[in-house]
Amino acid sequence: MSTEEKTVRLTRTRRDRTDVSIILTAGALLIIGLVMSLSASSIQSAESTGSAFTLFLRQFAWVVLGCAALILGWRFDYRRLRVFSYALMPIIWIMLIMTLVMGRRIGGAVRWLEFGSFQIQASEIAKVAVIVFGADVLSRKMGKLNDWRHLLVPYLGSVGVTCLLVLLQPDFGTTVIIGVAALSVAYLAGADLRLVGGVTIGAVLLSIPIMLGAGYRRSRLLAFLSGGEDCLNTAYQTCQGLVALGSGKIFGLGLGSSRQKYQYLPNAHTDFIFAILGEETGLVGTLTVLVLFALLLVLGITAARRARDPFGFLVASGVTAWISIQVLINIGAVVGLLPITGVPLPLISFGGTSLLVSLAGLGLVASVARRGVRLPRRTES
């Protein structure tokens, strides 16, 4: 090969497929989630609606909408979101206030806005809204974030208002996810570690009395601190989840063969679907899901590193941090390493708004990857 040919090959760029890999990995998790939703929800669906497929069909409809959001986000130029970033927060605040005033109350919490037979959770939409808003604001302030005033106004102030409105529903788990994701974006934007650490410590100290103030949250925390000793009362859900995981052993009992879904394990198709996954598919199935989520994390980091601008870097980093944090909180609660917070497992758990927003967020990460810096083509010597 001549020197001129080598020079031409070195100047070419090879097509990066990180964006396609994100789509395919999300698709694999979606398929697993659909299968597990059908299995885990079948008993409750049959008892409440007369058909084992009613809840599954509802989830399938959300998957179709979510896939559309994923593809649209992938094809959409993420940089156009900057025009709407400042409008996102007032819109989210209005939706959260509407939820508090006229939302549907289920189990003591007001988290759903109803439009006929259609329900949405504004707190789920707030996750991606805070990240997009923060990415725009902080990318404009890079180099000034060591001054707490630039970090506080308007970013942390807006995040604080959002967290307060979500906490009033009450939804402590989602509040934690929004707060941690927001602080992650601030740190990645260049905010001083001591400043971010101080805000984090302050938030933790503030959250302790809030957690202990509600009876059910206090019971969950005490059950966690006791190591799950009271399996017939406060630690019942945790113990039943561990029974499900242990029953699956290496290869599981088989798809559809769960015993815990027969009303033994509360929220089997939502917050604790990972336990049903372990019971039916065993260690093989749970490790497969963990590997797919780890791959999604690596792909998200890759997309962020190759972003063409600070805004894209922060959007990809923020969404990746949010999804990863939520996975850790959900699985940590199921296996007894964290208190139960009631957050769903992304792309796997039953739930429409959470699924739709998670896929839309991953679509934005794929959009950043699609328009990212390409790597030089490898050449032969």
Protein backbone atom coordinates (compact mmCIF):
# COMPACT_ATOMS: atom_id res chain seq x y z
CA MET A 1 0.00 0.00 0.00
CA SER A 2 1.40 3.38 -1.03
CA THR A 3 1.94 6.26 1.37
CA GLU A 4 -0.80 8.23 -0.42
CA GLU A 5 -3.33 5.41 0.02
CA LYS A 6 -2.48 5.11 3.71
CA THR A 7 -2.99 8.85 4.15
CA VAL A 8 -6.43 8.65 2.49
CA ARG A 9 -7.48 5.77 4.74
CA LEU A 10 -6.28 7.59 7.87
CA THR A 11 -8.37 10.64 7.01
CA ARG A 12 -11.52 8.60 6.60
CA THR A 13 -13.84 7.95 9.52
CA ARG A 14 -15.48 4.69 10.32
CA ARG A 15 -19.19 4.62 11.02
CA ASP A 16 -19.86 4.39 14.72
CA ARG A 17 -22.76 2.14 15.70
CA THR A 18 -23.19 3.19 19.32
CA ASP A 19 -26.62 4.64 18.53
CA VAL A 20 -27.83 1.40 16.94
CA SER A 21 -26.40 -0.61 19.86
CA ILE A 22 -28.42 1.53 22.29
CA ILE A 23 -31.60 0.86 20.31
CA LEU A 24 -30.94 -2.89 20.15
CA THR A 25 -30.05 -3.17 23.85
CA ALA A 26 -33.18 -1.27 24.84
CA GLY A 27 -35.17 -3.54 22.52
CA ALA A 28 -33.78 -6.67 24.18
CA LEU A 29 -34.76 -5.35 27.62
CA LEU A 30 -38.21 -4.45 26.30
CA ILE A 31 -38.81 -7.98 25.04
CA ILE A 32 -37.77 -9.41 28.42
CA GLY A 33 -40.02 -6.88 30.13
CA LEU A 34 -43.02 -7.83 28.00
CA VAL A 35 -42.56 -11.53 28.68
CA MET A 36 -42.22 -10.94 32.41
CA SER A 37 -45.15 -8.49 32.50
CA LEU A 38 -47.40 -11.13 30.94
CA SER A 39 -46.30 -13.73 33.46
CA ALA A 40 -46.21 -11.54 36.58
CA SER A 41 -49.47 -9.68 35.93
CA SER A 42 -51.58 -12.59 34.70
CA ILE A 43 -53.01 -13.63 38.09
CA GLN A 44 -53.88 -10.12 39.24
CA SER A 45 -55.27 -9.32 35.79
CA ALA A 46 -57.51 -12.40 35.84
CA GLU A 47 -58.82 -11.58 39.31
CA SER A 48 -59.46 -7.89 38.65
CA THR A 49 -60.64 -7.93 35.02
CA GLY A 50 -61.63 -11.54 34.28
CA SER A 51 -58.87 -11.95 31.68
CA ALA A 52 -55.22 -12.84 32.21
CA PHE A 53 -54.23 -10.67 29.25
CA THR A 54 -55.87 -7.31 30.05
CA LEU A 55 -52.91 -5.77 31.90
CA PHE A 56 -50.45 -7.24 29.41
CA LEU A 57 -52.30 -5.71 26.45
CA ARG A 58 -52.28 -2.36 28.22
CA GLN A 59 -48.54 -2.64 28.72
CA PHE A 60 -48.07 -3.73 25.10
CA ALA A 61 -49.83 -0.55 23.94
CA TRP A 62 -47.39 1.52 26.01
CA VAL A 63 -44.48 -0.43 24.52
CA VAL A 64 -45.67 0.50 21.02
CA LEU A 65 -45.83 4.18 22.04
CA GLY A 66 -42.46 3.88 23.76
CA CYS A 67 -40.82 2.37 20.70
CA ALA A 68 -42.15 5.27 18.64
CA ALA A 69 -40.67 7.70 21.20
CA LEU A 70 -37.34 5.83 21.11
CA ILE A 71 -37.09 6.00 17.30
CA LEU A 72 -38.28 9.61 17.14
CA GLY A 73 -35.76 10.61 19.80
CA TRP A 74 -33.03 8.81 17.89
CA ARG A 75 -33.86 10.56 14.62
CA PHE A 76 -34.48 13.93 16.28
CA ASP A 77 -31.58 16.40 16.52
CA TYR A 78 -31.18 16.74 20.29
CA ARG A 79 -29.74 20.27 19.90
CA ARG A 80 -33.18 21.59 18.99
CA LEU A 81 -34.31 20.90 22.55
CA ARG A 82 -32.35 23.92 23.75
CA VAL A 83 -35.08 26.19 22.40
CA PHE A 84 -37.62 24.60 24.77
CA SER A 85 -35.43 23.98 27.82
CA TYR A 86 -36.54 27.01 29.85
CA ALA A 87 -40.21 26.30 29.11
CA LEU A 88 -39.93 22.71 30.36
CA MET A 89 -39.74 23.52 34.07
CA PRO A 90 -42.87 25.74 34.32
CA ILE A 91 -44.81 23.14 32.30
CA ILE A 92 -43.67 20.36 34.65
CA TRP A 93 -44.54 22.44 37.72
CA ILE A 94 -48.04 23.07 36.36
CA MET A 95 -48.50 19.34 35.73
CA LEU A 96 -47.26 18.45 39.21
CA ILE A 97 -49.56 21.02 40.83
CA MET A 98 -52.48 19.70 38.77
CA THR A 99 -51.62 16.22 40.02
CA LEU A 100 -51.77 17.39 43.64
CA VAL A 101 -55.06 19.23 43.10
CA MET A 102 -57.00 16.89 40.83
CA GLY A 103 -54.93 13.72 40.55
CA ARG A 104 -56.10 10.21 41.29
CA ARG A 105 -55.31 8.95 44.79
CA ILE A 106 -54.11 5.33 44.97
CA GLY A 107 -52.77 3.80 48.17
CA GLY A 108 -52.51 7.15 49.94
CA ALA A 109 -50.50 8.79 47.13
CA VAL A 110 -51.63 11.26 44.44
CA ARG A 111 -49.34 10.56 41.49
CA TRP A 112 -51.57 10.11 38.44
CA LEU A 113 -53.30 12.63 36.21
CA GLU A 114 -56.35 11.15 34.49
CA PHE A 115 -57.61 12.12 31.07
CA GLY A 116 -60.53 9.75 30.59
CA SER A 117 -59.07 6.25 30.56
CA PHE A 118 -55.58 7.65 29.96
CA GLN A 119 -53.26 8.19 32.95
CA ILE A 120 -49.84 9.84 33.16
CA GLN A 121 -47.34 10.47 35.93
CA ALA A 122 -45.92 13.98 35.74
CA SER A 123 -43.13 12.99 38.14
CA GLU A 124 -41.76 10.56 35.52
CA ILE A 125 -41.71 13.28 32.86
CA ALA A 126 -39.93 15.54 35.37
CA LYS A 127 -36.88 13.25 35.29
CA VAL A 128 -36.01 13.93 31.67
CA ALA A 129 -37.19 17.57 31.87
CA VAL A 130 -34.76 18.34 34.71
CA ILE A 131 -31.88 16.74 32.79
CA VAL A 132 -32.56 18.64 29.55
CA PHE A 133 -33.02 21.91 31.45
CA GLY A 134 -29.83 21.34 33.45
CA ALA A 135 -27.83 20.39 30.37
CA ASP A 136 -28.79 23.66 28.67
CA VAL A 137 -28.27 25.93 31.68
CA LEU A 138 -25.04 24.38 32.91
CA SER A 139 -23.46 24.07 29.45
CA ARG A 140 -23.83 27.86 29.15
CA LYS A 141 -22.23 28.39 32.56
CA MET A 142 -19.24 26.08 32.24
CA GLY A 143 -16.23 27.69 33.89
CA LYS A 144 -18.41 29.60 36.38
CA LEU A 145 -19.83 26.71 38.38
CA ASN A 146 -17.32 26.96 41.22
CA ASP A 147 -19.41 29.93 42.35
CA TRP A 148 -22.41 28.56 44.23
CA ARG A 149 -24.62 31.39 42.98
CA HIS A 150 -24.26 30.29 39.36
CA LEU A 151 -25.18 26.75 40.40
CA LEU A 152 -28.09 27.79 42.57
CA VAL A 153 -29.72 30.20 40.10
CA PRO A 154 -31.62 28.95 38.27
CA TYR A 155 -30.58 25.29 38.22
CA LEU A 156 -30.58 23.98 41.80
CA GLY A 157 -33.44 26.32 42.68
CA SER A 158 -35.57 24.80 39.92
CA VAL A 159 -34.55 21.28 40.88
CA GLY A 160 -35.49 22.02 44.50
CA VAL A 161 -38.97 23.22 43.52
CA THR A 162 -39.47 20.13 41.36
CA CYS A 163 -38.35 17.77 44.13
CA LEU A 164 -40.64 19.50 46.63
CA LEU A 165 -43.69 19.10 44.38
CA VAL A 166 -42.88 15.42 43.78
CA LEU A 167 -42.32 14.86 47.50
CA LEU A 168 -45.76 16.31 48.30
CA GLN A 169 -47.48 13.54 46.27
CA PRO A 170 -45.72 11.81 48.19
CA ASP A 171 -43.10 10.02 46.07
CA PHE A 172 -39.83 9.80 47.98
CA GLY A 173 -38.16 7.34 45.58
CA THR A 174 -38.67 9.52 42.50
CA THR A 175 -37.52 12.56 44.48
CA VAL A 176 -34.26 10.79 45.28
CA ILE A 177 -33.72 9.81 41.64
CA ILE A 178 -34.35 13.35 40.37
CA GLY A 179 -32.06 14.83 43.02
CA VAL A 180 -29.18 12.40 42.44
CA ALA A 181 -29.42 12.71 38.65
CA ALA A 182 -29.47 16.52 38.91
CA LEU A 183 -26.38 16.56 41.14
CA SER A 184 -24.63 14.16 38.76
CA VAL A 185 -25.26 16.54 35.86
CA ALA A 186 -23.94 19.46 37.94
CA TYR A 187 -20.74 17.59 38.82
CA LEU A 188 -20.17 16.47 35.22
CA ALA A 189 -20.69 20.06 34.08
CA GLY A 190 -17.71 21.09 36.19
CA ALA A 191 -19.21 22.13 39.53
CA ASP A 192 -16.75 21.95 42.41
CA LEU A 193 -16.85 18.55 44.11
CA ARG A 194 -16.91 20.16 47.56
CA LEU A 195 -19.91 22.26 46.58
CA VAL A 196 -21.78 19.28 45.13
CA GLY A 197 -20.82 17.21 48.19
CA GLY A 198 -22.11 19.92 50.51
CA VAL A 199 -25.44 20.08 48.70
CA THR A 200 -25.66 16.27 48.81
CA ILE A 201 -24.99 16.14 52.56
CA GLY A 202 -27.56 18.86 53.14
CA ALA A 203 -30.15 16.97 51.07
CA VAL A 204 -29.46 13.73 52.96
CA LEU A 205 -29.83 15.45 56.35
CA LEU A 206 -33.07 17.05 55.18
CA SER A 207 -34.42 13.74 53.89
CA ILE A 208 -34.01 11.90 57.20
CA PRO A 209 -36.87 13.64 59.05
CA ILE A 210 -38.97 13.54 55.88
CA MET A 211 -38.46 9.79 55.61
CA LEU A 212 -39.22 9.23 59.28
CA GLY A 213 -42.23 11.57 59.16
CA ALA A 214 -44.44 9.16 57.22
CA GLY A 215 -45.43 5.90 58.91
CA TYR A 216 -45.03 3.64 55.88
CA ARG A 217 -41.59 5.07 55.01
CA ARG A 218 -40.50 4.72 58.62
CA SER A 219 -41.63 1.09 58.63
CA ARG A 220 -39.70 0.39 55.42
CA LEU A 221 -36.55 1.96 56.84
CA LEU A 222 -36.82 0.12 60.15
CA ALA A 223 -37.49 -3.15 58.32
CA PHE A 224 -34.35 -2.59 56.28
CA LEU A 225 -32.24 -1.70 59.32
CA SER A 226 -33.49 -4.80 61.16
CA GLY A 227 -32.16 -7.00 58.37
CA GLY A 228 -35.61 -8.29 57.40
CA GLU A 229 -36.26 -10.06 60.70
CA ASP A 230 -40.01 -9.31 60.82
CA CYS A 231 -41.01 -11.33 57.74
CA LEU A 232 -44.65 -11.54 58.79
CA ASN A 233 -45.09 -7.80 59.10
CA THR A 234 -42.85 -4.88 58.06
CA ALA A 235 -40.34 -6.98 56.10
CA TYR A 236 -42.95 -9.19 54.43
CA GLN A 237 -42.39 -7.89 50.88
CA THR A 238 -38.61 -8.09 51.15
CA CYS A 239 -38.73 -11.64 52.47
CA GLN A 240 -41.15 -12.81 49.78
CA GLY A 241 -38.91 -11.25 47.13
CA LEU A 242 -35.90 -13.13 48.48
CA VAL A 243 -37.93 -16.35 48.55
CA ALA A 244 -38.74 -15.83 44.88
CA LEU A 245 -35.11 -15.20 43.96
CA GLY A 246 -33.93 -18.18 45.97
CA SER A 247 -36.54 -20.51 44.50
CA GLY A 248 -35.24 -19.83 40.98
CA LYS A 249 -31.76 -21.19 41.70
CA ILE A 250 -29.62 -21.41 38.54
CA PHE A 251 -32.09 -21.94 35.70
CA GLY A 252 -35.40 -20.97 37.30
CA LEU A 253 -38.76 -22.71 37.60
CA GLY A 254 -39.68 -21.92 33.99
CA LEU A 255 -41.58 -19.07 32.33
CA GLY A 256 -45.05 -18.71 33.81
CA SER A 257 -44.26 -21.05 36.72
CA SER A 258 -43.84 -18.45 39.47
CA ARG A 259 -45.56 -19.25 42.75
CA GLN A 260 -45.00 -15.85 44.36
CA LYS A 261 -47.17 -14.05 41.79
CA TYR A 262 -50.23 -15.79 43.27
CA GLN A 263 -50.71 -12.81 45.59
CA TYR A 264 -47.82 -13.82 47.87
CA LEU A 265 -45.54 -11.05 46.64
CA PRO A 266 -47.05 -7.54 46.59
CA ASN A 267 -46.39 -5.48 43.44
CA ALA A 268 -45.06 -8.55 41.64
CA HIS A 269 -45.48 -7.01 38.18
CA THR A 270 -44.28 -3.50 39.11
CA ASP A 271 -41.63 -2.76 41.73
CA PHE A 272 -40.70 -6.42 42.38
CA ILE A 273 -40.74 -7.84 38.88
CA PHE A 274 -37.02 -8.57 39.18
CA ALA A 275 -37.87 -11.14 41.89
CA ILE A 276 -40.34 -12.88 39.56
CA LEU A 277 -37.68 -12.80 36.83
CA GLY A 278 -35.28 -14.56 39.20
CA GLU A 279 -37.89 -17.12 40.23
CA GLU A 280 -38.82 -18.08 36.67
CA THR A 281 -35.47 -17.73 34.87
CA GLY A 282 -33.04 -18.18 37.74
CA LEU A 283 -29.55 -16.75 38.04
CA VAL A 284 -29.14 -17.03 34.28
CA GLY A 285 -32.04 -14.68 33.63
CA THR A 286 -31.12 -12.11 36.28
CA LEU A 287 -27.50 -11.99 35.15
CA THR A 288 -28.64 -11.53 31.55
CA VAL A 289 -30.69 -8.49 32.55
CA LEU A 290 -27.82 -7.09 34.64
CA VAL A 291 -25.41 -7.51 31.71
CA LEU A 292 -27.84 -5.70 29.39
CA PHE A 293 -28.17 -2.80 31.83
CA ALA A 294 -24.37 -2.70 32.23
CA LEU A 295 -24.05 -2.60 28.44
CA LEU A 296 -26.56 0.26 28.33
CA LEU A 297 -24.40 2.11 30.88
CA VAL A 298 -21.25 1.61 28.81
CA LEU A 299 -23.01 2.72 25.63
CA GLY A 300 -24.39 5.80 27.38
CA ILE A 301 -20.92 6.74 28.62
CA THR A 302 -19.52 6.19 25.12
CA ALA A 303 -22.20 8.43 23.60
CA ALA A 304 -21.45 11.15 26.15
CA ARG A 305 -17.69 11.00 25.58
CA ARG A 306 -18.14 11.36 21.82
CA ALA A 307 -20.71 14.16 22.01
CA ARG A 308 -19.99 17.10 19.73
CA ASP A 309 -20.98 19.74 22.28
CA PRO A 310 -21.30 20.19 26.07
CA PHE A 311 -25.10 20.13 25.85
CA GLY A 312 -25.07 16.69 24.20
CA PHE A 313 -22.49 15.45 26.71
CA LEU A 314 -24.68 16.48 29.65
CA VAL A 315 -27.90 15.12 28.12
CA ALA A 316 -26.34 11.70 27.45
CA SER A 317 -24.59 11.65 30.84
CA GLY A 318 -27.71 12.75 32.72
CA VAL A 319 -30.04 10.20 31.13
CA THR A 320 -27.47 7.44 31.61
CA ALA A 321 -27.03 8.42 35.27
CA TRP A 322 -30.79 8.51 35.84
CA ILE A 323 -31.44 5.08 34.29
CA SER A 324 -28.47 3.51 36.11
CA ILE A 325 -29.42 5.01 39.48
CA GLN A 326 -32.99 3.78 39.13
CA VAL A 327 -31.81 0.28 38.25
CA LEU A 328 -29.55 0.21 41.31
CA ILE A 329 -32.30 1.47 43.63
CA ASN A 330 -34.89 -1.01 42.35
CA ILE A 331 -32.68 -4.10 42.33
CA GLY A 332 -31.02 -3.06 45.58
CA ALA A 333 -34.45 -2.99 47.25
CA VAL A 334 -35.47 -6.36 45.78
CA VAL A 335 -32.33 -8.12 47.04
CA GLY A 336 -32.51 -6.40 50.44
CA LEU A 337 -29.48 -4.13 50.09
CA LEU A 338 -31.55 -0.92 50.11
CA PRO A 339 -34.87 0.15 51.66
CA ILE A 340 -37.96 -0.29 49.50
CA THR A 341 -38.70 2.98 47.70
CA GLY A 342 -41.36 1.93 45.19
CA VAL A 343 -39.52 2.84 41.99
CA PRO A 344 -39.97 0.61 38.91
CA LEU A 345 -37.22 -1.25 37.07
CA PRO A 346 -36.68 0.68 33.81
CA LEU A 347 -37.95 -1.07 30.64
CA ILE A 348 -38.92 -4.18 32.62
CA SER A 349 -41.56 -3.21 35.20
CA PHE A 350 -45.22 -2.75 34.36
CA GLY A 351 -46.07 0.94 34.04
CA GLY A 352 -46.85 3.18 31.08
CA THR A 353 -45.42 6.64 31.76
CA SER A 354 -42.19 5.29 33.22
CA LEU A 355 -41.65 3.08 30.18
CA LEU A 356 -42.48 5.85 27.70
CA VAL A 357 -40.22 8.43 29.35
CA SER A 358 -37.33 5.99 29.78
CA LEU A 359 -37.44 5.09 26.08
CA ALA A 360 -37.68 8.75 25.07
CA GLY A 361 -34.62 9.49 27.21
CA LEU A 362 -32.67 6.63 25.65
CA GLY A 363 -33.72 7.94 22.25
CA LEU A 364 -32.01 11.24 23.11
CA VAL A 365 -28.85 9.36 24.12
CA ALA A 366 -28.94 7.55 20.78
CA SER A 367 -29.41 10.93 19.06
CA VAL A 368 -26.26 12.25 20.77
CA ALA A 369 -24.38 9.10 19.72
CA ARG A 370 -25.66 9.34 16.14
CA ARG A 371 -24.30 12.85 15.79
CA GLY A 372 -21.16 12.29 17.86
CA VAL A 373 -17.51 12.51 16.86
CA ARG A 374 -16.45 9.55 14.74
CA LEU A 375 -13.32 7.59 15.43
CA PRO A 376 -10.54 7.23 12.82
CA ARG A 377 -10.74 4.11 10.69
CA ARG A 378 -8.31 1.41 11.71
CA THR A 379 -5.71 0.78 9.03
CA GLU A 380 -3.71 -2.23 8.08
CA SER A 381 0.06 -1.98 8.19
